PDB file of all heavy atoms in Angstrom:
ATOM      1  N   VAL A   1       6.986  -5.398  -2.134  1.00  0.00           N
ATOM      2  CA  VAL A   1       6.020  -5.906  -1.130  1.00  0.00           C
ATOM      3  C   VAL A   1       4.992  -6.859  -1.718  1.00  0.00           C
ATOM      4  O   VAL A   1       4.778  -7.865  -1.131  1.00  0.00           O
ATOM      5  CB  VAL A   1       5.377  -4.729  -0.412  1.00  0.00           C
ATOM      6  CG1 VAL A   1       4.240  -5.249   0.449  1.00  0.00           C
ATOM      7  CG2 VAL A   1       6.231  -3.902   0.352  1.00  0.00           C
ATOM      8  N   GLY A   2       4.631  -6.556  -2.925  1.00  0.00           N
ATOM      9  CA  GLY A   2       3.596  -7.329  -3.558  1.00  0.00           C
ATOM     10  C   GLY A   2       4.084  -8.718  -3.819  1.00  0.00           C
ATOM     11  O   GLY A   2       3.301  -9.740  -3.889  1.00  0.00           O
ATOM     12  N   LYS A   3       5.303  -8.823  -4.125  1.00  0.00           N
ATOM     13  CA  LYS A   3       6.012 -10.202  -4.311  1.00  0.00           C
ATOM     14  C   LYS A   3       5.908 -11.101  -3.120  1.00  0.00           C
ATOM     15  O   LYS A   3       5.914 -12.380  -3.260  1.00  0.00           O
ATOM     16  CB  LYS A   3       7.499 -10.103  -4.695  1.00  0.00           C
ATOM     17  CG  LYS A   3       7.681  -9.349  -6.190  1.00  0.00           C
ATOM     18  CD  LYS A   3       9.075  -9.102  -6.440  1.00  0.00           C
ATOM     19  CE  LYS A   3       9.246  -8.469  -7.823  1.00  0.00           C
ATOM     20  NZ  LYS A   3      10.567  -8.055  -8.119  1.00  0.00           N
ATOM     21  N   ILE A   4       5.899 -10.557  -1.937  1.00  0.00           N
ATOM     22  CA  ILE A   4       5.801 -11.451  -0.783  1.00  0.00           C
ATOM     23  C   ILE A   4       4.608 -11.263   0.123  1.00  0.00           C
ATOM     24  O   ILE A   4       4.447 -11.773   1.198  1.00  0.00           O
ATOM     25  CB  ILE A   4       7.078 -10.975   0.159  1.00  0.00           C
ATOM     26  CG1 ILE A   4       6.995  -9.644   0.494  1.00  0.00           C
ATOM     27  CG2 ILE A   4       8.417 -11.477  -0.479  1.00  0.00           C
ATOM     28  CD1 ILE A   4       8.238  -9.204   1.622  1.00  0.00           C
ATOM     29  N   LEU A   5       3.572 -10.570  -0.598  1.00  0.00           N
ATOM     30  CA  LEU A   5       2.381 -10.298   0.143  1.00  0.00           C
ATOM     31  C   LEU A   5       1.440 -11.591   0.358  1.00  0.00           C
ATOM     32  O   LEU A   5       1.413 -12.461  -0.661  1.00  0.00           O
ATOM     33  CB  LEU A   5       1.514  -9.258  -0.530  1.00  0.00           C
ATOM     34  CG  LEU A   5       0.455  -8.426   0.098  1.00  0.00           C
ATOM     35  CD1 LEU A   5       1.053  -7.645   1.296  1.00  0.00           C
ATOM     36  CD2 LEU A   5      -0.445  -7.643  -0.875  1.00  0.00           C
ATOM     37  N   LYS A   6       0.884 -11.782   1.517  1.00  0.00           N
ATOM     38  CA  LYS A   6       0.095 -12.952   1.850  1.00  0.00           C
ATOM     39  C   LYS A   6      -1.371 -12.552   2.264  1.00  0.00           C
ATOM     40  O   LYS A   6      -1.695 -11.301   2.373  1.00  0.00           O
ATOM     41  CB  LYS A   6       0.812 -13.664   2.996  1.00  0.00           C
ATOM     42  CG  LYS A   6       2.211 -13.988   2.814  1.00  0.00           C
ATOM     43  CD  LYS A   6       2.961 -14.570   4.016  1.00  0.00           C
ATOM     44  CE  LYS A   6       2.907 -13.736   5.176  1.00  0.00           C
ATOM     45  NZ  LYS A   6       3.535 -12.429   4.966  1.00  0.00           N
ATOM     46  N   LYS A   7      -2.093 -13.584   2.265  1.00  0.00           N
ATOM     47  CA  LYS A   7      -3.578 -13.269   2.645  1.00  0.00           C
ATOM     48  C   LYS A   7      -3.613 -12.703   4.127  1.00  0.00           C
ATOM     49  O   LYS A   7      -2.848 -13.124   4.999  1.00  0.00           O
ATOM     50  CB  LYS A   7      -4.254 -14.605   2.748  1.00  0.00           C
ATOM     51  CG  LYS A   7      -5.773 -14.428   2.856  1.00  0.00           C
ATOM     52  CD  LYS A   7      -6.475 -15.701   2.706  1.00  0.00           C
ATOM     53  CE  LYS A   7      -8.063 -15.449   3.115  1.00  0.00           C
ATOM     54  NZ  LYS A   7      -8.713 -14.454   2.307  1.00  0.00           N
ATOM     55  N   ASP A   8      -4.431 -11.655   4.267  1.00  0.00           N
ATOM     56  CA  ASP A   8      -4.661 -10.937   5.578  1.00  0.00           C
ATOM     57  C   ASP A   8      -3.502  -9.950   5.854  1.00  0.00           C
ATOM     58  O   ASP A   8      -3.658  -9.334   6.963  1.00  0.00           O
ATOM     59  CB  ASP A   8      -5.009 -11.845   6.682  1.00  0.00           C
ATOM     60  CG  ASP A   8      -6.290 -12.707   6.463  1.00  0.00           C
ATOM     61  OD1 ASP A   8      -7.191 -12.114   5.785  1.00  0.00           O
ATOM     62  OD2 ASP A   8      -6.337 -13.770   6.880  1.00  0.00           O
ATOM     63  N   ASP A   9      -2.582  -9.822   5.043  1.00  0.00           N
ATOM     64  CA  ASP A   9      -1.510  -8.794   5.405  1.00  0.00           C
ATOM     65  C   ASP A   9      -2.026  -7.347   5.138  1.00  0.00           C
ATOM     66  O   ASP A   9      -3.016  -7.121   4.531  1.00  0.00           O
ATOM     67  CB  ASP A   9      -0.268  -9.004   4.417  1.00  0.00           C
ATOM     68  CG  ASP A   9       0.539 -10.143   4.715  1.00  0.00           C
ATOM     69  OD1 ASP A   9       0.259 -10.825   5.825  1.00  0.00           O
ATOM     70  OD2 ASP A   9       1.424 -10.451   4.090  1.00  0.00           O
ATOM     71  N   ILE A  10      -1.297  -6.452   5.819  1.00  0.00           N
ATOM     72  CA  ILE A  10      -1.691  -5.038   5.787  1.00  0.00           C
ATOM     73  C   ILE A  10      -0.512  -4.260   5.340  1.00  0.00           C
ATOM     74  O   ILE A  10       0.587  -4.431   5.843  1.00  0.00           O
ATOM     75  CB  ILE A  10      -2.160  -4.535   7.214  1.00  0.00           C
ATOM     76  CG1 ILE A  10      -3.356  -5.265   7.721  1.00  0.00           C
ATOM     77  CG2 ILE A  10      -2.449  -2.958   7.089  1.00  0.00           C
ATOM     78  CD1 ILE A  10      -3.721  -4.960   9.117  1.00  0.00           C
ATOM     79  N   VAL A  11      -0.712  -3.456   4.356  1.00  0.00           N
ATOM     80  CA  VAL A  11       0.361  -2.475   3.814  1.00  0.00           C
ATOM     81  C   VAL A  11      -0.019  -1.189   4.177  1.00  0.00           C
ATOM     82  O   VAL A  11      -0.954  -0.606   3.705  1.00  0.00           O
ATOM     83  CB  VAL A  11       0.456  -2.714   2.346  1.00  0.00           C
ATOM     84  CG1 VAL A  11       1.842  -1.819   1.879  1.00  0.00           C
ATOM     85  CG2 VAL A  11       0.769  -3.984   1.907  1.00  0.00           C
ATOM     86  N   ILE A  12       0.782  -0.430   4.973  1.00  0.00           N
ATOM     87  CA  ILE A  12       0.522   0.978   5.458  1.00  0.00           C
ATOM     88  C   ILE A  12       1.574   1.876   4.757  1.00  0.00           C
ATOM     89  O   ILE A  12       2.742   1.645   4.788  1.00  0.00           O
ATOM     90  CB  ILE A  12       0.666   1.115   6.976  1.00  0.00           C
ATOM     91  CG1 ILE A  12      -0.262   0.107   7.664  1.00  0.00           C
ATOM     92  CG2 ILE A  12       0.434   2.485   7.370  1.00  0.00           C
ATOM     93  CD1 ILE A  12       0.025  -0.021   9.140  1.00  0.00           C
ATOM     94  N   TYR A  13       1.099   2.947   4.105  1.00  0.00           N
ATOM     95  CA  TYR A  13       1.986   3.779   3.431  1.00  0.00           C
ATOM     96  C   TYR A  13       2.091   5.144   4.280  1.00  0.00           C
ATOM     97  O   TYR A  13       0.998   5.553   4.804  1.00  0.00           O
ATOM     98  CB  TYR A  13       1.467   4.213   2.041  1.00  0.00           C
ATOM     99  CG  TYR A  13       1.521   3.099   1.141  1.00  0.00           C
ATOM    100  CD1 TYR A  13       0.497   2.151   0.825  1.00  0.00           C
ATOM    101  CD2 TYR A  13       2.648   2.897   0.297  1.00  0.00           C
ATOM    102  CE1 TYR A  13       0.611   1.146   0.045  1.00  0.00           C
ATOM    103  CE2 TYR A  13       2.856   1.801  -0.531  1.00  0.00           C
ATOM    104  CZ  TYR A  13       1.757   1.053  -0.793  1.00  0.00           C
ATOM    105  OH  TYR A  13       1.917  -0.158  -1.592  1.00  0.00           O
ATOM    106  N   GLU A  14       3.384   5.719   4.332  1.00  0.00           N
ATOM    107  CA  GLU A  14       3.465   6.937   5.002  1.00  0.00           C
ATOM    108  C   GLU A  14       4.065   8.155   4.141  1.00  0.00           C
ATOM    109  O   GLU A  14       4.150   9.144   4.523  1.00  0.00           O
ATOM    110  CB  GLU A  14       4.603   6.654   6.212  1.00  0.00           C
ATOM    111  CG  GLU A  14       4.000   5.906   7.387  1.00  0.00           C
ATOM    112  CD  GLU A  14       4.501   6.378   8.604  1.00  0.00           C
ATOM    113  OE1 GLU A  14       5.323   7.346   8.698  1.00  0.00           O
ATOM    114  OE2 GLU A  14       4.163   5.820   9.679  1.00  0.00           O
ATOM    115  N   SER A  15       4.424   7.753   2.960  1.00  0.00           N
ATOM    116  CA  SER A  15       4.977   8.645   2.025  1.00  0.00           C
ATOM    117  C   SER A  15       3.880   9.755   1.670  1.00  0.00           C
ATOM    118  O   SER A  15       2.691   9.444   1.460  1.00  0.00           O
ATOM    119  CB  SER A  15       5.454   7.932   0.670  1.00  0.00           C
ATOM    120  OG  SER A  15       6.427   6.858   1.077  1.00  0.00           O
ATOM    121  N   THR A  16       4.341  10.974   1.472  1.00  0.00           N
ATOM    122  CA  THR A  16       3.403  12.078   0.920  1.00  0.00           C
ATOM    123  C   THR A  16       3.022  11.831  -0.449  1.00  0.00           C
ATOM    124  O   THR A  16       3.884  11.639  -1.403  1.00  0.00           O
ATOM    125  CB  THR A  16       4.088  13.410   1.113  1.00  0.00           C
ATOM    126  OG1 THR A  16       4.492  13.602   2.536  1.00  0.00           O
ATOM    127  CG2 THR A  16       3.119  14.538   0.818  1.00  0.00           C
ATOM    128  N   VAL A  17       1.844  11.804  -0.802  1.00  0.00           N
ATOM    129  CA  VAL A  17       1.204  11.635  -2.072  1.00  0.00           C
ATOM    130  C   VAL A  17      -0.034  12.456  -2.354  1.00  0.00           C
ATOM    131  O   VAL A  17      -0.424  13.120  -1.397  1.00  0.00           O
ATOM    132  CB  VAL A  17       0.848  10.173  -2.360  1.00  0.00           C
ATOM    133  CG1 VAL A  17       1.998   9.195  -2.353  1.00  0.00           C
ATOM    134  CG2 VAL A  17      -0.177   9.570  -1.295  1.00  0.00           C
ATOM    135  N   TYR A  18      -0.493  12.562  -3.606  1.00  0.00           N
ATOM    136  CA  TYR A  18      -1.641  13.342  -3.829  1.00  0.00           C
ATOM    137  C   TYR A  18      -2.852  12.419  -3.454  1.00  0.00           C
ATOM    138  O   TYR A  18      -2.809  11.191  -3.305  1.00  0.00           O
ATOM    139  CB  TYR A  18      -1.878  13.715  -5.306  1.00  0.00           C
ATOM    140  CG  TYR A  18      -1.609  12.573  -6.283  1.00  0.00           C
ATOM    141  CD1 TYR A  18      -2.582  11.808  -6.491  1.00  0.00           C
ATOM    142  CD2 TYR A  18      -0.467  12.403  -6.933  1.00  0.00           C
ATOM    143  CE1 TYR A  18      -2.466  10.667  -7.406  1.00  0.00           C
ATOM    144  CE2 TYR A  18      -0.285  11.428  -7.997  1.00  0.00           C
ATOM    145  CZ  TYR A  18      -1.383  10.558  -8.205  1.00  0.00           C
ATOM    146  OH  TYR A  18      -1.158   9.417  -9.069  1.00  0.00           O
ATOM    147  N   PRO A  19      -4.008  13.028  -3.201  1.00  0.00           N
ATOM    148  CA  PRO A  19      -5.119  12.267  -2.744  1.00  0.00           C
ATOM    149  C   PRO A  19      -5.630  11.223  -3.768  1.00  0.00           C
ATOM    150  O   PRO A  19      -5.702  11.526  -4.930  1.00  0.00           O
ATOM    151  CB  PRO A  19      -6.297  13.335  -2.509  1.00  0.00           C
ATOM    152  CG  PRO A  19      -5.481  14.624  -2.298  1.00  0.00           C
ATOM    153  CD  PRO A  19      -4.263  14.409  -3.071  1.00  0.00           C
ATOM    154  N   GLY A  20      -5.672   9.916  -3.376  1.00  0.00           N
ATOM    155  CA  GLY A  20      -5.999   8.946  -4.316  1.00  0.00           C
ATOM    156  C   GLY A  20      -4.794   8.068  -4.691  1.00  0.00           C
ATOM    157  O   GLY A  20      -5.116   6.966  -5.226  1.00  0.00           O
ATOM    158  N   ALA A  21      -3.680   8.466  -4.507  1.00  0.00           N
ATOM    159  CA  ALA A  21      -2.428   7.776  -5.004  1.00  0.00           C
ATOM    160  C   ALA A  21      -2.407   6.323  -4.408  1.00  0.00           C
ATOM    161  O   ALA A  21      -2.061   5.367  -5.105  1.00  0.00           O
ATOM    162  CB  ALA A  21      -1.142   8.524  -4.658  1.00  0.00           C
ATOM    163  N   THR A  22      -2.684   6.150  -3.183  1.00  0.00           N
ATOM    164  CA  THR A  22      -2.497   4.772  -2.540  1.00  0.00           C
ATOM    165  C   THR A  22      -3.322   3.818  -3.187  1.00  0.00           C
ATOM    166  O   THR A  22      -2.858   2.787  -3.586  1.00  0.00           O
ATOM    167  CB  THR A  22      -2.964   4.835  -0.962  1.00  0.00           C
ATOM    168  OG1 THR A  22      -1.949   5.707  -0.242  1.00  0.00           O
ATOM    169  CG2 THR A  22      -2.816   3.571  -0.445  1.00  0.00           C
ATOM    170  N   GLU A  23      -4.772   4.156  -3.465  1.00  0.00           N
ATOM    171  CA  GLU A  23      -5.576   3.204  -4.061  1.00  0.00           C
ATOM    172  C   GLU A  23      -5.528   3.138  -5.552  1.00  0.00           C
ATOM    173  O   GLU A  23      -5.860   2.233  -6.190  1.00  0.00           O
ATOM    174  CB  GLU A  23      -7.087   3.568  -3.605  1.00  0.00           C
ATOM    175  CG  GLU A  23      -7.294   3.252  -2.148  1.00  0.00           C
ATOM    176  CD  GLU A  23      -8.307   4.068  -1.397  1.00  0.00           C
ATOM    177  OE1 GLU A  23      -8.194   5.332  -1.455  1.00  0.00           O
ATOM    178  OE2 GLU A  23      -9.435   3.487  -0.835  1.00  0.00           O
ATOM    179  N   GLU A  24      -5.036   4.286  -6.181  1.00  0.00           N
ATOM    180  CA  GLU A  24      -5.124   4.293  -7.711  1.00  0.00           C
ATOM    181  C   GLU A  24      -3.693   3.828  -8.219  1.00  0.00           C
ATOM    182  O   GLU A  24      -3.558   3.374  -9.402  1.00  0.00           O
ATOM    183  CB  GLU A  24      -5.213   5.795  -8.074  1.00  0.00           C
ATOM    184  CG  GLU A  24      -6.636   6.334  -7.921  1.00  0.00           C
ATOM    185  CD  GLU A  24      -6.802   7.823  -7.979  1.00  0.00           C
ATOM    186  OE1 GLU A  24      -5.781   8.364  -8.479  1.00  0.00           O
ATOM    187  OE2 GLU A  24      -7.719   8.380  -7.538  1.00  0.00           O
TER     188      GLU A  24
END
């Protein structure tokens, strides 16, 4: 996703992770 990410795009994660994983 990062390779094709553009300004103002939104990436939404649904996968189960530990608290903080998305941002860390």
